[in-house]
Amino acid sequence: MEAKAWMQRKMIVVLGSLAITLLTVLPTLADTRKPVANPEPEYPPIARQLRITGVVRVELVISADGTIKSSKILGGHPVLVDAVQRAIVKWKYAPAASETTQEVDFKF
């Protein structure tokens, strides 16, 4: 009887470890969705004249069909942000089973 209880506890530990591993790995897999159309943002002429450079970080919510459902600017110069927002409207990702969220950096 004691051996059976020990085996049940061991099984609970193994299943718990498996669940934690899956919860850790699945969000990473969701972040690897590949774009099928992702035109680069155009470097704005005013940014070129003023020698504005930097990174614009965006959080994208991608619907199951691959279209960009929403975007949230996480940082970047406003002149560069405008160029990124115009570009991501044209982005499309490969379809997936569910909606995913992904962060993307645009370097200027």
PDB file of N, CA and C in Angstrom:
ATOM      1  N   MET A   1       0.822  -1.188   0.000  1.00  0.00           N
ATOM      2  CA  MET A   1       0.000   0.000   0.000  1.00  0.00           C
ATOM      3  C   MET A   1       0.870   1.256   0.000  1.00  0.00           C
ATOM      4  N   GLU A   2       1.934   1.259   0.764  1.00  0.00           N
ATOM      5  CA  GLU A   2       2.840   2.400   0.820  1.00  0.00           C
ATOM      6  C   GLU A   2       3.516   2.639  -0.532  1.00  0.00           C
ATOM      7  N   ALA A   3       3.824   1.587  -1.229  1.00  0.00           N
ATOM      8  CA  ALA A   3       4.450   1.707  -2.543  1.00  0.00           C
ATOM      9  C   ALA A   3       3.499   2.381  -3.535  1.00  0.00           C
ATOM     10  N   LYS A   4       2.229   2.085  -3.425  1.00  0.00           N
ATOM     11  CA  LYS A   4       1.232   2.679  -4.317  1.00  0.00           C
ATOM     12  C   LYS A   4       1.122   4.194  -4.055  1.00  0.00           C
ATOM     13  N   ALA A   5       1.105   4.582  -2.793  1.00  0.00           N
ATOM     14  CA  ALA A   5       1.032   5.998  -2.432  1.00  0.00           C
ATOM     15  C   ALA A   5       2.286   6.739  -2.919  1.00  0.00           C
ATOM     16  N   TRP A   6       3.443   6.089  -2.764  1.00  0.00           N
ATOM     17  CA  TRP A   6       4.694   6.688  -3.231  1.00  0.00           C
ATOM     18  C   TRP A   6       4.648   6.893  -4.742  1.00  0.00           C
ATOM     19  N   MET A   7       4.142   5.909  -5.457  1.00  0.00           N
ATOM     20  CA  MET A   7       4.055   5.976  -6.915  1.00  0.00           C
ATOM     21  C   MET A   7       3.102   7.096  -7.346  1.00  0.00           C
ATOM     22  N   GLN A   8       1.993   7.269  -6.625  1.00  0.00           N
ATOM     23  CA  GLN A   8       1.054   8.338  -6.951  1.00  0.00           C
ATOM     24  C   GLN A   8       1.695   9.710  -6.737  1.00  0.00           C
ATOM     25  N   ARG A   9       2.434   9.869  -5.635  1.00  0.00           N
ATOM     26  CA  ARG A   9       3.115  11.135  -5.378  1.00  0.00           C
ATOM     27  C   ARG A   9       4.153  11.419  -6.464  1.00  0.00           C
ATOM     28  N   LYS A  10       4.871  10.383  -6.838  1.00  0.00           N
ATOM     29  CA  LYS A  10       5.887  10.527  -7.884  1.00  0.00           C
ATOM     30  C   LYS A  10       5.237  10.954  -9.206  1.00  0.00           C
ATOM     31  N   MET A  11       4.103  10.374  -9.537  1.00  0.00           N
ATOM     32  CA  MET A  11       3.389  10.698 -10.768  1.00  0.00           C
ATOM     33  C   MET A  11       2.902  12.147 -10.733  1.00  0.00           C
ATOM     34  N   ILE A  12       2.440  12.617  -9.581  1.00  0.00           N
ATOM     35  CA  ILE A  12       1.990  14.000  -9.447  1.00  0.00           C
ATOM     36  C   ILE A  12       3.154  14.957  -9.670  1.00  0.00           C
ATOM     37  N   VAL A  13       4.308  14.629  -9.120  1.00  0.00           N
ATOM     38  CA  VAL A  13       5.498  15.469  -9.302  1.00  0.00           C
ATOM     39  C   VAL A  13       5.899  15.509 -10.774  1.00  0.00           C
ATOM     40  N   VAL A  14       5.884  14.382 -11.438  1.00  0.00           N
ATOM     41  CA  VAL A  14       6.264  14.316 -12.850  1.00  0.00           C
ATOM     42  C   VAL A  14       5.279  15.114 -13.701  1.00  0.00           C
ATOM     43  N   LEU A  15       3.989  14.942 -13.456  1.00  0.00           N
ATOM     44  CA  LEU A  15       2.982  15.664 -14.234  1.00  0.00           C
ATOM     45  C   LEU A  15       3.050  17.174 -13.953  1.00  0.00           C
ATOM     46  N   GLY A  16       3.309  17.543 -12.725  1.00  0.00           N
ATOM     47  CA  GLY A  16       3.469  18.952 -12.387  1.00  0.00           C
ATOM     48  C   GLY A  16       4.655  19.560 -13.107  1.00  0.00           C
ATOM     49  N   SER A  17       5.761  18.841 -13.147  1.00  0.00           N
ATOM     50  CA  SER A  17       6.954  19.315 -13.852  1.00  0.00           C
ATOM     51  C   SER A  17       6.672  19.469 -15.348  1.00  0.00           C
ATOM     52  N   LEU A  18       5.955  18.515 -15.907  1.00  0.00           N
ATOM     53  CA  LEU A  18       5.603  18.575 -17.323  1.00  0.00           C
ATOM     54  C   LEU A  18       4.722  19.791 -17.599  1.00  0.00           C
ATOM     55  N   ALA A  19       3.755  20.049 -16.725  1.00  0.00           N
ATOM     56  CA  ALA A  19       2.868  21.198 -16.908  1.00  0.00           C
ATOM     57  C   ALA A  19       3.660  22.506 -16.854  1.00  0.00           C
ATOM     58  N   ILE A  20       4.580  22.613 -15.920  1.00  0.00           N
ATOM     59  CA  ILE A  20       5.397  23.830 -15.806  1.00  0.00           C
ATOM     60  C   ILE A  20       6.253  24.011 -17.048  1.00  0.00           C
ATOM     61  N   THR A  21       6.826  22.927 -17.541  1.00  0.00           N
ATOM     62  CA  THR A  21       7.641  22.995 -18.753  1.00  0.00           C
ATOM     63  C   THR A  21       6.810  23.466 -19.939  1.00  0.00           C
ATOM     64  N   LEU A  22       5.613  22.933 -20.101  1.00  0.00           N
ATOM     65  CA  LEU A  22       4.757  23.334 -21.211  1.00  0.00           C
ATOM     66  C   LEU A  22       4.362  24.803 -21.104  1.00  0.00           C
ATOM     67  N   LEU A  23       4.058  25.253 -19.892  1.00  0.00           N
ATOM     68  CA  LEU A  23       3.688  26.658 -19.710  1.00  0.00           C
ATOM     69  C   LEU A  23       4.856  27.587 -20.015  1.00  0.00           C
ATOM     70  N   THR A  24       6.060  27.101 -19.854  1.00  0.00           N
ATOM     71  CA  THR A  24       7.247  27.895 -20.152  1.00  0.00           C
ATOM     72  C   THR A  24       7.548  27.887 -21.645  1.00  0.00           C
ATOM     73  N   VAL A  25       7.379  26.760 -22.303  1.00  0.00           N
ATOM     74  CA  VAL A  25       7.753  26.609 -23.705  1.00  0.00           C
ATOM     75  C   VAL A  25       6.695  27.149 -24.657  1.00  0.00           C
ATOM     76  N   LEU A  26       5.428  26.974 -24.370  1.00  0.00           N
ATOM     77  CA  LEU A  26       4.378  27.375 -25.307  1.00  0.00           C
ATOM     78  C   LEU A  26       4.387  28.863 -25.639  1.00  0.00           C
ATOM     79  N   PRO A  27       4.541  29.773 -24.670  1.00  0.00           N
ATOM     80  CA  PRO A  27       4.619  31.187 -25.078  1.00  0.00           C
ATOM     81  C   PRO A  27       5.796  31.473 -25.998  1.00  0.00           C
ATOM     82  N   THR A  28       6.901  30.781 -25.806  1.00  0.00           N
ATOM     83  CA  THR A  28       8.063  30.955 -26.674  1.00  0.00           C
ATOM     84  C   THR A  28       7.739  30.501 -28.087  1.00  0.00           C
ATOM     85  N   LEU A  29       7.030  29.394 -28.217  1.00  0.00           N
ATOM     86  CA  LEU A  29       6.653  28.903 -29.538  1.00  0.00           C
ATOM     87  C   LEU A  29       5.722  29.881 -30.230  1.00  0.00           C
ATOM     88  N   ALA A  30       4.834  30.502 -29.464  1.00  0.00           N
ATOM     89  CA  ALA A  30       3.906  31.461 -30.047  1.00  0.00           C
ATOM     90  C   ALA A  30       4.660  32.672 -30.605  1.00  0.00           C
ATOM     91  N   ASP A  31       5.777  33.034 -30.000  1.00  0.00           N
ATOM     92  CA  ASP A  31       6.553  34.180 -30.434  1.00  0.00           C
ATOM     93  C   ASP A  31       7.327  33.915 -31.717  1.00  0.00           C
ATOM     94  N   THR A  32       7.329  32.709 -32.201  1.00  0.00           N
ATOM     95  CA  THR A  32       8.110  32.386 -33.389  1.00  0.00           C
ATOM     96  C   THR A  32       7.261  32.396 -34.662  1.00  0.00           C
ATOM     97  N   ARG A  33       6.107  32.985 -34.618  1.00  0.00           N
ATOM     98  CA  ARG A  33       5.271  33.074 -35.815  1.00  0.00           C
ATOM     99  C   ARG A  33       6.000  33.866 -36.887  1.00  0.00           C
ATOM    100  N   LYS A  34       5.970  33.355 -38.094  1.00  0.00           N
ATOM    101  CA  LYS A  34       6.733  33.954 -39.186  1.00  0.00           C
ATOM    102  C   LYS A  34       5.861  34.863 -40.053  1.00  0.00           C
ATOM    103  N   PRO A  35       6.372  36.057 -40.369  1.00  0.00           N
ATOM    104  CA  PRO A  35       5.629  36.936 -41.274  1.00  0.00           C
ATOM    105  C   PRO A  35       5.717  36.435 -42.714  1.00  0.00           C
ATOM    106  N   VAL A  36       4.624  36.584 -43.438  1.00  0.00           N
ATOM    107  CA  VAL A  36       4.634  36.236 -44.865  1.00  0.00           C
ATOM    108  C   VAL A  36       4.731  37.499 -45.717  1.00  0.00           C
ATOM    109  N   ALA A  37       4.376  38.638 -45.129  1.00  0.00           N
ATOM    110  CA  ALA A  37       4.539  39.940 -45.783  1.00  0.00           C
ATOM    111  C   ALA A  37       4.902  40.941 -44.696  1.00  0.00           C
ATOM    112  N   ASN A  38       6.097  41.489 -44.786  1.00  0.00           N
ATOM    113  CA  ASN A  38       6.528  42.459 -43.775  1.00  0.00           C
ATOM    114  C   ASN A  38       7.405  43.547 -44.385  1.00  0.00           C
ATOM    115  N   PRO A  39       6.788  44.460 -45.134  1.00  0.00           N
ATOM    116  CA  PRO A  39       7.579  45.537 -45.725  1.00  0.00           C
ATOM    117  C   PRO A  39       8.241  46.389 -44.642  1.00  0.00           C
ATOM    118  N   GLU A  40       9.481  46.762 -44.891  1.00  0.00           N
ATOM    119  CA  GLU A  40      10.233  47.601 -43.952  1.00  0.00           C
ATOM    120  C   GLU A  40       9.647  49.010 -43.950  1.00  0.00           C
ATOM    121  N   PRO A  41       9.659  49.657 -42.803  1.00  0.00           N
ATOM    122  CA  PRO A  41       9.217  51.049 -42.787  1.00  0.00           C
ATOM    123  C   PRO A  41      10.202  51.938 -43.546  1.00  0.00           C
ATOM    124  N   GLU A  42       9.674  52.954 -44.199  1.00  0.00           N
ATOM    125  CA  GLU A  42      10.531  53.895 -44.923  1.00  0.00           C
ATOM    126  C   GLU A  42      11.165  54.855 -43.926  1.00  0.00           C
ATOM    127  N   TYR A  43      12.446  55.111 -44.121  1.00  0.00           N
ATOM    128  CA  TYR A  43      13.148  56.068 -43.266  1.00  0.00           C
ATOM    129  C   TYR A  43      12.648  57.456 -43.637  1.00  0.00           C
ATOM    130  N   PRO A  44      11.981  58.159 -42.719  1.00  0.00           N
ATOM    131  CA  PRO A  44      11.391  59.462 -43.067  1.00  0.00           C
ATOM    132  C   PRO A  44      12.454  60.481 -43.475  1.00  0.00           C
ATOM    133  N   PRO A  45      12.181  61.248 -44.529  1.00  0.00           N
ATOM    134  CA  PRO A  45      13.148  62.263 -44.982  1.00  0.00           C
ATOM    135  C   PRO A  45      13.537  63.250 -43.872  1.00  0.00           C
ATOM    136  N   ILE A  46      12.570  63.638 -43.050  1.00  0.00           N
ATOM    137  CA  ILE A  46      12.882  64.583 -41.967  1.00  0.00           C
ATOM    138  C   ILE A  46      13.831  63.952 -40.954  1.00  0.00           C
ATOM    139  N   ALA A  47      13.662  62.649 -40.709  1.00  0.00           N
ATOM    140  CA  ALA A  47      14.562  61.942 -39.792  1.00  0.00           C
ATOM    141  C   ALA A  47      15.968  61.887 -40.388  1.00  0.00           C
ATOM    142  N   ARG A  48      16.044  61.721 -41.697  1.00  0.00           N
ATOM    143  CA  ARG A  48      17.352  61.701 -42.371  1.00  0.00           C
ATOM    144  C   ARG A  48      18.021  63.072 -42.257  1.00  0.00           C
ATOM    145  N   GLN A  49      17.248  64.132 -42.498  1.00  0.00           N
ATOM    146  CA  GLN A  49      17.799  65.484 -42.426  1.00  0.00           C
ATOM    147  C   GLN A  49      18.290  65.820 -41.016  1.00  0.00           C
ATOM    148  N   LEU A  50      17.521  65.392 -40.015  1.00  0.00           N
ATOM    149  CA  LEU A  50      17.873  65.690 -38.624  1.00  0.00           C
ATOM    150  C   LEU A  50      18.775  64.623 -37.996  1.00  0.00           C
ATOM    151  N   ARG A  51      19.118  63.621 -38.816  1.00  0.00           N
ATOM    152  CA  ARG A  51      19.969  62.510 -38.367  1.00  0.00           C
ATOM    153  C   ARG A  51      19.412  61.812 -37.123  1.00  0.00           C
ATOM    154  N   ILE A  52      18.111  61.564 -37.180  1.00  0.00           N
ATOM    155  CA  ILE A  52      17.441  60.860 -36.083  1.00  0.00           C
ATOM    156  C   ILE A  52      17.595  59.361 -36.323  1.00  0.00           C
ATOM    157  N   THR A  53      18.126  58.676 -35.357  1.00  0.00           N
ATOM    158  CA  THR A  53      18.248  57.222 -35.425  1.00  0.00           C
ATOM    159  C   THR A  53      17.672  56.646 -34.140  1.00  0.00           C
ATOM    160  N   GLY A  54      17.551  55.343 -34.122  1.00  0.00           N
ATOM    161  CA  GLY A  54      17.060  54.695 -32.908  1.00  0.00           C
ATOM    162  C   GLY A  54      16.286  53.436 -33.208  1.00  0.00           C
ATOM    163  N   VAL A  55      15.637  52.955 -32.177  1.00  0.00           N
ATOM    164  CA  VAL A  55      14.857  51.729 -32.267  1.00  0.00           C
ATOM    165  C   VAL A  55      13.424  52.043 -31.863  1.00  0.00           C
ATOM    166  N   VAL A  56      12.484  51.487 -32.622  1.00  0.00           N
ATOM    167  CA  VAL A  56      11.068  51.565 -32.266  1.00  0.00           C
ATOM    168  C   VAL A  56      10.645  50.153 -31.884  1.00  0.00           C
ATOM    169  N   ARG A  57      10.134  50.009 -30.682  1.00  0.00           N
ATOM    170  CA  ARG A  57       9.679  48.705 -30.188  1.00  0.00           C
ATOM    171  C   ARG A  57       8.156  48.692 -30.205  1.00  0.00           C
ATOM    172  N   VAL A  58       7.591  47.628 -30.805  1.00  0.00           N
ATOM    173  CA  VAL A  58       6.146  47.511 -30.967  1.00  0.00           C
ATOM    174  C   VAL A  58       5.683  46.144 -30.471  1.00  0.00           C
ATOM    175  N   GLU A  59       4.554  46.130 -29.783  1.00  0.00           N
ATOM    176  CA  GLU A  59       3.914  44.871 -29.402  1.00  0.00           C
ATOM    177  C   GLU A  59       2.741  44.660 -30.358  1.00  0.00           C
ATOM    178  N   LEU A  60       2.777  43.542 -31.078  1.00  0.00           N
ATOM    179  CA  LEU A  60       1.729  43.235 -32.050  1.00  0.00           C
ATOM    180  C   LEU A  60       0.819  42.137 -31.507  1.00  0.00           C
ATOM    181  N   VAL A  61      -0.468  42.308 -31.708  1.00  0.00           N
ATOM    182  CA  VAL A  61      -1.425  41.239 -31.450  1.00  0.00           C
ATOM    183  C   VAL A  61      -1.821  40.735 -32.827  1.00  0.00           C
ATOM    184  N   ILE A  62      -1.506  39.464 -33.084  1.00  0.00           N
ATOM    185  CA  ILE A  62      -1.712  38.865 -34.403  1.00  0.00           C
ATOM    186  C   ILE A  62      -2.882  37.897 -34.313  1.00  0.00           C
ATOM    187  N   SER A  63      -3.898  38.112 -35.141  1.00  0.00           N
ATOM    188  CA  SER A  63      -5.077  37.243 -35.114  1.00  0.00           C
ATOM    189  C   SER A  63      -4.730  35.874 -35.689  1.00  0.00           C
ATOM    190  N   ALA A  64      -5.610  34.926 -35.494  1.00  0.00           N
ATOM    191  CA  ALA A  64      -5.374  33.559 -35.964  1.00  0.00           C
ATOM    192  C   ALA A  64      -5.184  33.505 -37.481  1.00  0.00           C
ATOM    193  N   ASP A  65      -5.860  34.398 -38.207  1.00  0.00           N
ATOM    194  CA  ASP A  65      -5.722  34.374 -39.679  1.00  0.00           C
ATOM    195  C   ASP A  65      -4.449  35.068 -40.167  1.00  0.00           C
ATOM    196  N   GLY A  66      -3.678  35.675 -39.250  1.00  0.00           N
ATOM    197  CA  GLY A  66      -2.394  36.259 -39.612  1.00  0.00           C
ATOM    198  C   GLY A  66      -2.390  37.769 -39.777  1.00  0.00           C
ATOM    199  N   THR A  67      -3.547  38.403 -39.675  1.00  0.00           N
ATOM    200  CA  THR A  67      -3.584  39.857 -39.786  1.00  0.00           C
ATOM    201  C   THR A  67      -3.232  40.500 -38.446  1.00  0.00           C
ATOM    202  N   ILE A  68      -2.743  41.723 -38.507  1.00  0.00           N
ATOM    203  CA  ILE A  68      -2.404  42.458 -37.292  1.00  0.00           C
ATOM    204  C   ILE A  68      -3.708  42.992 -36.705  1.00  0.00           C
ATOM    205  N   LYS A  69      -4.055  42.491 -35.537  1.00  0.00           N
ATOM    206  CA  LYS A  69      -5.288  42.901 -34.876  1.00  0.00           C
ATOM    207  C   LYS A  69      -5.107  44.251 -34.184  1.00  0.00           C
ATOM    208  N   SER A  70      -3.973  44.413 -33.508  1.00  0.00           N
ATOM    209  CA  SER A  70      -3.675  45.690 -32.860  1.00  0.00           C
ATOM    210  C   SER A  70      -2.173  45.807 -32.649  1.00  0.00           C
ATOM    211  N   SER A  71      -1.752  47.029 -32.406  1.00  0.00           N
ATOM    212  CA  SER A  71      -0.341  47.271 -32.127  1.00  0.00           C
ATOM    213  C   SER A  71      -0.242  48.301 -31.008  1.00  0.00           C
ATOM    214  N   LYS A  72       0.815  48.159 -30.225  1.00  0.00           N
ATOM    215  CA  LYS A  72       1.055  49.081 -29.118  1.00  0.00           C
ATOM    216  C   LYS A  72       2.520  49.499 -29.185  1.00  0.00           C
ATOM    217  N   ILE A  73       2.763  50.776 -29.283  1.00  0.00           N
ATOM    218  CA  ILE A  73       4.132  51.288 -29.331  1.00  0.00           C
ATOM    219  C   ILE A  73       4.698  51.245 -27.918  1.00  0.00           C
ATOM    220  N   LEU A  74       5.829  50.571 -27.767  1.00  0.00           N
ATOM    221  CA  LEU A  74       6.474  50.451 -26.461  1.00  0.00           C
ATOM    222  C   LEU A  74       7.601  51.454 -26.284  1.00  0.00           C
ATOM    223  N   GLY A  75       8.056  52.049 -27.382  1.00  0.00           N
ATOM    224  CA  GLY A  75       9.116  53.046 -27.280  1.00  0.00           C
ATOM    225  C   GLY A  75       9.655  53.423 -28.640  1.00  0.00           C
ATOM    226  N   GLY A  76      10.244  54.622 -28.706  1.00  0.00           N
ATOM    227  CA  GLY A  76      10.860  55.077 -29.939  1.00  0.00           C
ATOM    228  C   GLY A  76      10.577  56.545 -30.193  1.00  0.00           C
ATOM    229  N   HIS A  77      11.374  57.149 -31.049  1.00  0.00           N
ATOM    230  CA  HIS A  77      11.212  58.557 -31.417  1.00  0.00           C
ATOM    231  C   HIS A  77       9.901  58.706 -32.208  1.00  0.00           C
ATOM    232  N   PRO A  78       9.101  59.731 -31.893  1.00  0.00           N
ATOM    233  CA  PRO A  78       7.806  59.910 -32.568  1.00  0.00           C
ATOM    234  C   PRO A  78       7.874  59.956 -34.095  1.00  0.00           C
ATOM    235  N   VAL A  79       8.915  60.549 -34.660  1.00  0.00           N
ATOM    236  CA  VAL A  79       9.040  60.602 -36.126  1.00  0.00           C
ATOM    237  C   VAL A  79       9.212  59.193 -36.680  1.00  0.00           C
ATOM    238  N   LEU A  80       9.987  58.369 -36.004  1.00  0.00           N
ATOM    239  CA  LEU A  80      10.214  56.993 -36.446  1.00  0.00           C
ATOM    240  C   LEU A  80       8.995  56.117 -36.179  1.00  0.00           C
ATOM    241  N   VAL A  81       8.301  56.389 -35.080  1.00  0.00           N
ATOM    242  CA  VAL A  81       7.093  55.624 -34.732  1.00  0.00           C
ATOM    243  C   VAL A  81       6.061  55.754 -35.840  1.00  0.00           C
ATOM    244  N   ASP A  82       5.882  56.941 -36.370  1.00  0.00           N
ATOM    245  CA  ASP A  82       4.909  57.163 -37.443  1.00  0.00           C
ATOM    246  C   ASP A  82       5.217  56.290 -38.657  1.00  0.00           C
ATOM    247  N   ALA A  83       6.479  56.194 -39.022  1.00  0.00           N
ATOM    248  CA  ALA A  83       6.877  55.361 -40.169  1.00  0.00           C
ATOM    249  C   ALA A  83       6.581  53.884 -39.894  1.00  0.00           C
ATOM    250  N   VAL A  84       6.831  53.450 -38.680  1.00  0.00           N
ATOM    251  CA  VAL A  84       6.571  52.051 -38.317  1.00  0.00           C
ATOM    252  C   VAL A  84       5.076  51.756 -38.363  1.00  0.00           C
ATOM    253  N   GLN A  85       4.276  52.650 -37.836  1.00  0.00           N
ATOM    254  CA  GLN A  85       2.830  52.429 -37.834  1.00  0.00           C
ATOM    255  C   GLN A  85       2.268  52.320 -39.250  1.00  0.00           C
ATOM    256  N   ARG A  86       2.806  53.103 -40.169  1.00  0.00           N
ATOM    257  CA  ARG A  86       2.357  53.004 -41.566  1.00  0.00           C
ATOM    258  C   ARG A  86       2.764  51.676 -42.189  1.00  0.00           C
ATOM    259  N   ALA A  87       3.913  51.152 -41.794  1.00  0.00           N
ATOM    260  CA  ALA A  87       4.399  49.889 -42.379  1.00  0.00           C
ATOM    261  C   ALA A  87       3.652  48.677 -41.833  1.00  0.00           C
ATOM    262  N   ILE A  88       3.394  48.643 -40.532  1.00  0.00           N
ATOM    263  CA  ILE A  88       2.810  47.414 -39.957  1.00  0.00           C
ATOM    264  C   ILE A  88       1.363  47.181 -40.380  1.00  0.00           C
ATOM    265  N   VAL A  89       0.719  48.198 -40.893  1.00  0.00           N
ATOM    266  CA  VAL A  89      -0.632  48.021 -41.432  1.00  0.00           C
ATOM    267  C   VAL A  89      -0.599  47.013 -42.592  1.00  0.00           C
ATOM    268  N   LYS A  90       0.534  46.943 -43.286  1.00  0.00           N
ATOM    269  CA  LYS A  90       0.674  46.059 -44.455  1.00  0.00           C
ATOM    270  C   LYS A  90       1.216  44.676 -44.095  1.00  0.00           C
ATOM    271  N   TRP A  91       1.551  44.454 -42.834  1.00  0.00           N
ATOM    272  CA  TRP A  91       2.135  43.171 -42.424  1.00  0.00           C
ATOM    273  C   TRP A  91       1.085  42.075 -42.373  1.00  0.00           C
ATOM    274  N   LYS A  92       1.526  40.850 -42.652  1.00  0.00           N
ATOM    275  CA  LYS A  92       0.666  39.660 -42.558  1.00  0.00           C
ATOM    276  C   LYS A  92       1.538  38.506 -42.101  1.00  0.00           C
ATOM    277  N   TYR A  93       1.006  37.708 -41.187  1.00  0.00           N
ATOM    278  CA  TYR A  93       1.710  36.541 -40.661  1.00  0.00           C
ATOM    279  C   TYR A  93       1.054  35.266 -41.154  1.00  0.00           C
ATOM    280  N   ALA A  94       1.772  34.171 -41.030  1.00  0.00           N
ATOM    281  CA  ALA A  94       1.224  32.864 -41.364  1.00  0.00           C
ATOM    282  C   ALA A  94       0.080  32.555 -40.395  1.00  0.00           C
ATOM    283  N   PRO A  95      -0.972  31.897 -40.861  1.00  0.00           N
ATOM    284  CA  PRO A  95      -2.079  31.533 -39.970  1.00  0.00           C
ATOM    285  C   PRO A  95      -1.607  30.611 -38.840  1.00  0.00           C
ATOM    286  N   ALA A  96      -2.321  30.675 -37.727  1.00  0.00           N
ATOM    287  CA  ALA A  96      -2.010  29.828 -36.568  1.00  0.00           C
ATOM    288  C   ALA A  96      -3.329  29.398 -35.921  1.00  0.00           C
ATOM    289  N   ALA A  97      -3.216  28.540 -34.938  1.00  0.00           N
ATOM    290  CA  ALA A  97      -4.406  28.024 -34.268  1.00  0.00           C
ATOM    291  C   ALA A  97      -5.106  29.080 -33.419  1.00  0.00           C
ATOM    292  N   SER A  98      -4.338  30.063 -32.930  1.00  0.00           N
ATOM    293  CA  SER A  98      -4.942  31.076 -32.060  1.00  0.00           C
ATOM    294  C   SER A  98      -4.227  32.414 -32.214  1.00  0.00           C
ATOM    295  N   GLU A  99      -4.788  33.403 -31.571  1.00  0.00           N
ATOM    296  CA  GLU A  99      -4.203  34.740 -31.554  1.00  0.00           C
ATOM    297  C   GLU A  99      -2.896  34.718 -30.756  1.00  0.00           C
ATOM    298  N   THR A 100      -1.903  35.483 -31.209  1.00  0.00           N
ATOM    299  CA  THR A 100      -0.622  35.539 -30.502  1.00  0.00           C
ATOM    300  C   THR A 100      -0.181  36.989 -30.335  1.00  0.00           C
ATOM    301  N   THR A 101       0.727  37.185 -29.405  1.00  0.00           N
ATOM    302  CA  THR A 101       1.314  38.500 -29.159  1.00  0.00           C
ATOM    303  C   THR A 101       2.812  38.391 -29.370  1.00  0.00           C
ATOM    304  N   GLN A 102       3.379  39.385 -30.022  1.00  0.00           N
ATOM    305  CA  GLN A 102       4.798  39.340 -30.341  1.00  0.00           C
ATOM    306  C   GLN A 102       5.373  40.752 -30.290  1.00  0.00           C
ATOM    307  N   GLU A 103       6.587  40.873 -29.754  1.00  0.00           N
ATOM    308  CA  GLU A 103       7.287  42.156 -29.762  1.00  0.00           C
ATOM    309  C   GLU A 103       8.263  42.200 -30.935  1.00  0.00           C
ATOM    310  N   VAL A 104       8.301  43.344 -31.605  1.00  0.00           N
ATOM    311  CA  VAL A 104       9.168  43.522 -32.766  1.00  0.00           C
ATOM    312  C   VAL A 104       9.949  44.828 -32.592  1.00  0.00           C
ATOM    313  N   ASP A 105      11.233  44.781 -32.911  1.00  0.00           N
ATOM    314  CA  ASP A 105      12.089  45.973 -32.887  1.00  0.00           C
ATOM    315  C   ASP A 105      12.399  46.404 -34.311  1.00  0.00           C
ATOM    316  N   PHE A 106      12.260  47.688 -34.569  1.00  0.00           N
ATOM    317  CA  PHE A 106      12.614  48.280 -35.852  1.00  0.00           C
ATOM    318  C   PHE A 106      13.802  49.202 -35.615  1.00  0.00           C
ATOM    319  N   LYS A 107      14.905  48.931 -36.288  1.00  0.00           N
ATOM    320  CA  LYS A 107      16.122  49.726 -36.112  1.00  0.00           C
ATOM    321  C   LYS A 107      16.279  50.704 -37.277  1.00  0.00           C
ATOM    322  N   PHE A 108      16.481  51.947 -36.949  1.00  0.00           N
ATOM    323  CA  PHE A 108      16.684  52.996 -37.950  1.00  0.00           C
ATOM    324  C   PHE A 108      18.078  53.559 -37.799  1.00  0.00           C
TER     325      PHE A 108
END
